[in-house]
Every structure is written in C-alpha cells, then in structure tokens.
Amino acid sequence: MALFRATVRTSKTTNDIRIEKGMSVDFASVNSSPLYNSSSKEVVDAFQHKYGIDLHKAEAANSTHILVVKIG
C-alpha cells in the first residue's frame, strides 16, 4: 500500500461547490493510479472527509483539476 497526496491544480466553482488551488489530502491506496477508473473513490472520499466537498458533484475528480503524486 502506497501513500499519495492529491492537490487541487486550479480554483473553480461548479454546482455551488468551490475548490481552491492548493487544497490537498493525503491518503493510502493499493492502486498505482488512484485518480483513474473506479479507484477515484479514494481521492473523493479523502476530500469529503477533510473538506466536506464532493469532487464528483464539483466535476473535479479528474487529472485536469487534481494532481496526484506518490509520497511514500
């Protein structure tokens, strides 16, 4: 299991949800690319837990808006 950091690349507001550049979360994952396919749930859950925002509703659960790097 690896440790990742997901960081918002650009600020945006969609569906009354505001995300700001620099918002970040750390999370563990067994997937090598946790933002792609159905594994984005880990990233979405981490943002929901820390900030109370739903990245799917904000239409930001993708690599255009979120940068994911392996940190451990």
N, C-alpha and C. Protein backbone atom coordinates (compact mmCIF):
# COMPACT_ATOMS: atom_id res chain seq x y z
N MET A 1 0.85 -1.17 0.00
CA MET A 1 0.00 0.00 0.00
C MET A 1 0.90 1.24 0.00
N ALA A 2 0.58 2.18 -0.87
CA ALA A 2 1.38 3.39 -1.01
C ALA A 2 0.63 4.60 -0.49
N LEU A 3 1.39 5.64 -0.14
CA LEU A 3 0.81 6.89 0.34
C LEU A 3 0.86 7.91 -0.80
N PHE A 4 -0.25 8.61 -1.01
CA PHE A 4 -0.37 9.59 -2.08
C PHE A 4 -0.83 10.93 -1.53
N ARG A 5 -0.54 11.99 -2.27
CA ARG A 5 -1.06 13.32 -1.97
C ARG A 5 -1.79 13.82 -3.21
N ALA A 6 -3.04 14.23 -3.02
CA ALA A 6 -3.85 14.80 -4.10
C ALA A 6 -4.01 16.29 -3.83
N THR A 7 -3.67 17.11 -4.83
CA THR A 7 -3.70 18.56 -4.68
C THR A 7 -4.51 19.18 -5.82
N VAL A 8 -5.34 20.15 -5.48
CA VAL A 8 -6.14 20.86 -6.48
C VAL A 8 -5.20 21.74 -7.31
N ARG A 9 -5.28 21.61 -8.63
CA ARG A 9 -4.42 22.38 -9.55
C ARG A 9 -4.93 23.80 -9.78
N THR A 10 -6.24 23.95 -9.96
CA THR A 10 -6.82 25.27 -10.27
C THR A 10 -8.10 25.47 -9.48
N SER A 11 -8.33 26.69 -9.08
CA SER A 11 -9.57 27.02 -8.36
C SER A 11 -10.74 26.99 -9.33
N LYS A 12 -11.90 26.56 -8.82
CA LYS A 12 -13.10 26.58 -9.65
C LYS A 12 -14.34 26.47 -8.77
N THR A 13 -15.45 26.92 -9.32
CA THR A 13 -16.75 26.78 -8.66
C THR A 13 -17.70 26.12 -9.65
N THR A 14 -18.29 25.00 -9.25
CA THR A 14 -19.26 24.29 -10.06
C THR A 14 -20.33 23.75 -9.12
N ASN A 15 -21.59 23.89 -9.52
CA ASN A 15 -22.72 23.40 -8.71
C ASN A 15 -22.64 23.92 -7.27
N ASP A 16 -22.27 25.18 -7.12
CA ASP A 16 -22.15 25.84 -5.81
C ASP A 16 -21.10 25.21 -4.90
N ILE A 17 -20.15 24.50 -5.48
CA ILE A 17 -19.04 23.92 -4.71
C ILE A 17 -17.76 24.60 -5.16
N ARG A 18 -17.05 25.19 -4.22
CA ARG A 18 -15.81 25.91 -4.51
C ARG A 18 -14.61 25.07 -4.08
N ILE A 19 -13.68 24.86 -5.01
CA ILE A 19 -12.40 24.25 -4.65
C ILE A 19 -11.31 25.27 -4.95
N GLU A 20 -10.32 25.32 -4.09
CA GLU A 20 -9.25 26.31 -4.21
C GLU A 20 -7.93 25.64 -4.56
N LYS A 21 -7.17 26.29 -5.42
CA LYS A 21 -5.84 25.80 -5.76
C LYS A 21 -5.03 25.61 -4.48
N GLY A 22 -4.39 24.45 -4.37
CA GLY A 22 -3.56 24.17 -3.20
C GLY A 22 -4.21 23.30 -2.16
N MET A 23 -5.54 23.15 -2.20
CA MET A 23 -6.20 22.23 -1.25
C MET A 23 -5.61 20.84 -1.49
N SER A 24 -5.26 20.15 -0.41
CA SER A 24 -4.66 18.82 -0.62
C SER A 24 -5.07 17.86 0.48
N VAL A 25 -4.98 16.58 0.15
CA VAL A 25 -5.25 15.50 1.09
C VAL A 25 -4.22 14.40 0.88
N ASP A 26 -3.89 13.70 1.95
CA ASP A 26 -3.02 12.53 1.88
C ASP A 26 -3.88 11.31 2.12
N PHE A 27 -3.61 10.24 1.40
CA PHE A 27 -4.40 9.01 1.55
C PHE A 27 -3.56 7.82 1.10
N ALA A 28 -3.94 6.66 1.60
CA ALA A 28 -3.27 5.42 1.23
C ALA A 28 -4.09 4.71 0.16
N SER A 29 -3.40 4.00 -0.74
CA SER A 29 -4.08 3.28 -1.80
C SER A 29 -3.25 2.09 -2.26
N VAL A 30 -3.92 1.05 -2.66
CA VAL A 30 -3.23 -0.11 -3.25
C VAL A 30 -3.12 0.06 -4.76
N ASN A 31 -3.82 1.04 -5.33
CA ASN A 31 -3.79 1.30 -6.77
C ASN A 31 -2.59 2.16 -7.12
N SER A 32 -2.00 1.90 -8.27
CA SER A 32 -0.85 2.70 -8.70
C SER A 32 -1.27 4.05 -9.29
N SER A 33 -2.51 4.16 -9.76
CA SER A 33 -3.05 5.41 -10.30
C SER A 33 -4.42 5.66 -9.66
N PRO A 34 -4.43 6.19 -8.44
CA PRO A 34 -5.67 6.28 -7.68
C PRO A 34 -6.71 7.27 -8.19
N LEU A 35 -6.40 8.09 -9.17
CA LEU A 35 -7.39 9.04 -9.67
C LEU A 35 -8.14 8.50 -10.88
N TYR A 36 -7.66 7.42 -11.44
CA TYR A 36 -8.24 6.90 -12.67
C TYR A 36 -9.18 5.73 -12.42
N ASN A 37 -10.10 5.52 -13.35
CA ASN A 37 -11.08 4.43 -13.28
C ASN A 37 -11.94 4.55 -12.03
N SER A 38 -12.36 3.45 -11.49
CA SER A 38 -13.23 3.47 -10.32
C SER A 38 -12.46 3.74 -9.03
N SER A 39 -11.14 3.76 -9.09
CA SER A 39 -10.35 3.98 -7.88
C SER A 39 -10.35 5.44 -7.44
N SER A 40 -10.96 6.34 -8.20
CA SER A 40 -11.01 7.75 -7.79
C SER A 40 -11.82 7.91 -6.51
N LYS A 41 -12.55 6.87 -6.11
CA LYS A 41 -13.33 6.92 -4.88
C LYS A 41 -12.45 7.26 -3.68
N GLU A 42 -11.23 6.79 -3.65
CA GLU A 42 -10.32 7.08 -2.53
C GLU A 42 -10.01 8.57 -2.45
N VAL A 43 -9.78 9.19 -3.58
CA VAL A 43 -9.49 10.63 -3.63
C VAL A 43 -10.74 11.41 -3.23
N VAL A 44 -11.88 11.04 -3.79
CA VAL A 44 -13.15 11.72 -3.50
C VAL A 44 -13.48 11.60 -2.01
N ASP A 45 -13.30 10.40 -1.46
CA ASP A 45 -13.58 10.19 -0.03
C ASP A 45 -12.66 11.01 0.86
N ALA A 46 -11.39 11.13 0.48
CA ALA A 46 -10.44 11.91 1.28
C ALA A 46 -10.82 13.39 1.30
N PHE A 47 -11.22 13.94 0.14
CA PHE A 47 -11.65 15.34 0.09
C PHE A 47 -12.96 15.54 0.86
N GLN A 48 -13.84 14.56 0.77
CA GLN A 48 -15.11 14.64 1.51
C GLN A 48 -14.85 14.65 3.01
N HIS A 49 -13.93 13.81 3.45
CA HIS A 49 -13.63 13.71 4.88
C HIS A 49 -12.95 14.98 5.42
N LYS A 50 -11.98 15.49 4.68
CA LYS A 50 -11.21 16.65 5.16
C LYS A 50 -11.93 17.99 4.97
N TYR A 51 -12.54 18.18 3.79
CA TYR A 51 -13.13 19.48 3.46
C TYR A 51 -14.65 19.47 3.38
N GLY A 52 -15.26 18.29 3.36
CA GLY A 52 -16.71 18.22 3.25
C GLY A 52 -17.22 18.55 1.86
N ILE A 53 -16.40 18.34 0.84
CA ILE A 53 -16.83 18.63 -0.53
C ILE A 53 -16.83 17.34 -1.36
N ASP A 54 -17.75 17.28 -2.31
CA ASP A 54 -17.87 16.14 -3.20
C ASP A 54 -17.24 16.50 -4.54
N LEU A 55 -16.09 15.91 -4.85
CA LEU A 55 -15.40 16.23 -6.10
C LEU A 55 -16.21 15.81 -7.32
N HIS A 56 -17.00 14.74 -7.20
CA HIS A 56 -17.84 14.34 -8.34
C HIS A 56 -18.89 15.41 -8.62
N LYS A 57 -19.54 15.90 -7.60
CA LYS A 57 -20.55 16.95 -7.77
C LYS A 57 -19.91 18.23 -8.30
N ALA A 58 -18.67 18.49 -7.88
CA ALA A 58 -17.95 19.67 -8.35
C ALA A 58 -17.33 19.45 -9.73
N GLU A 59 -17.53 18.26 -10.28
CA GLU A 59 -16.97 17.88 -11.59
C GLU A 59 -15.47 18.10 -11.64
N ALA A 60 -14.78 17.70 -10.57
CA ALA A 60 -13.34 17.93 -10.47
C ALA A 60 -12.55 16.66 -10.14
N ALA A 61 -13.17 15.50 -10.22
CA ALA A 61 -12.48 14.25 -9.90
C ALA A 61 -11.75 13.72 -11.13
N ASN A 62 -10.81 14.52 -11.63
CA ASN A 62 -10.05 14.13 -12.81
C ASN A 62 -8.68 14.79 -12.78
N SER A 63 -7.80 14.34 -13.67
CA SER A 63 -6.42 14.84 -13.66
C SER A 63 -6.29 16.27 -14.16
N THR A 64 -7.32 16.82 -14.76
CA THR A 64 -7.29 18.23 -15.16
C THR A 64 -7.29 19.13 -13.93
N HIS A 65 -8.02 18.72 -12.91
CA HIS A 65 -8.19 19.55 -11.71
C HIS A 65 -7.40 19.06 -10.51
N ILE A 66 -7.05 17.77 -10.48
CA ILE A 66 -6.37 17.19 -9.32
C ILE A 66 -5.04 16.56 -9.74
N LEU A 67 -3.98 16.92 -9.04
CA LEU A 67 -2.66 16.32 -9.25
C LEU A 67 -2.43 15.31 -8.13
N VAL A 68 -2.12 14.07 -8.50
CA VAL A 68 -1.85 13.02 -7.51
C VAL A 68 -0.41 12.59 -7.65
N VAL A 69 0.33 12.66 -6.53
CA VAL A 69 1.73 12.23 -6.51
C VAL A 69 1.94 11.21 -5.39
N LYS A 70 2.80 10.25 -5.66
CA LYS A 70 3.14 9.24 -4.66
C LYS A 70 4.17 9.84 -3.71
N ILE A 71 3.88 9.78 -2.41
CA ILE A 71 4.80 10.37 -1.42
C ILE A 71 5.39 9.33 -0.49
N GLY A 72 4.98 8.09 -0.62
CA GLY A 72 5.56 7.07 0.24
C GLY A 72 5.17 5.69 -0.16
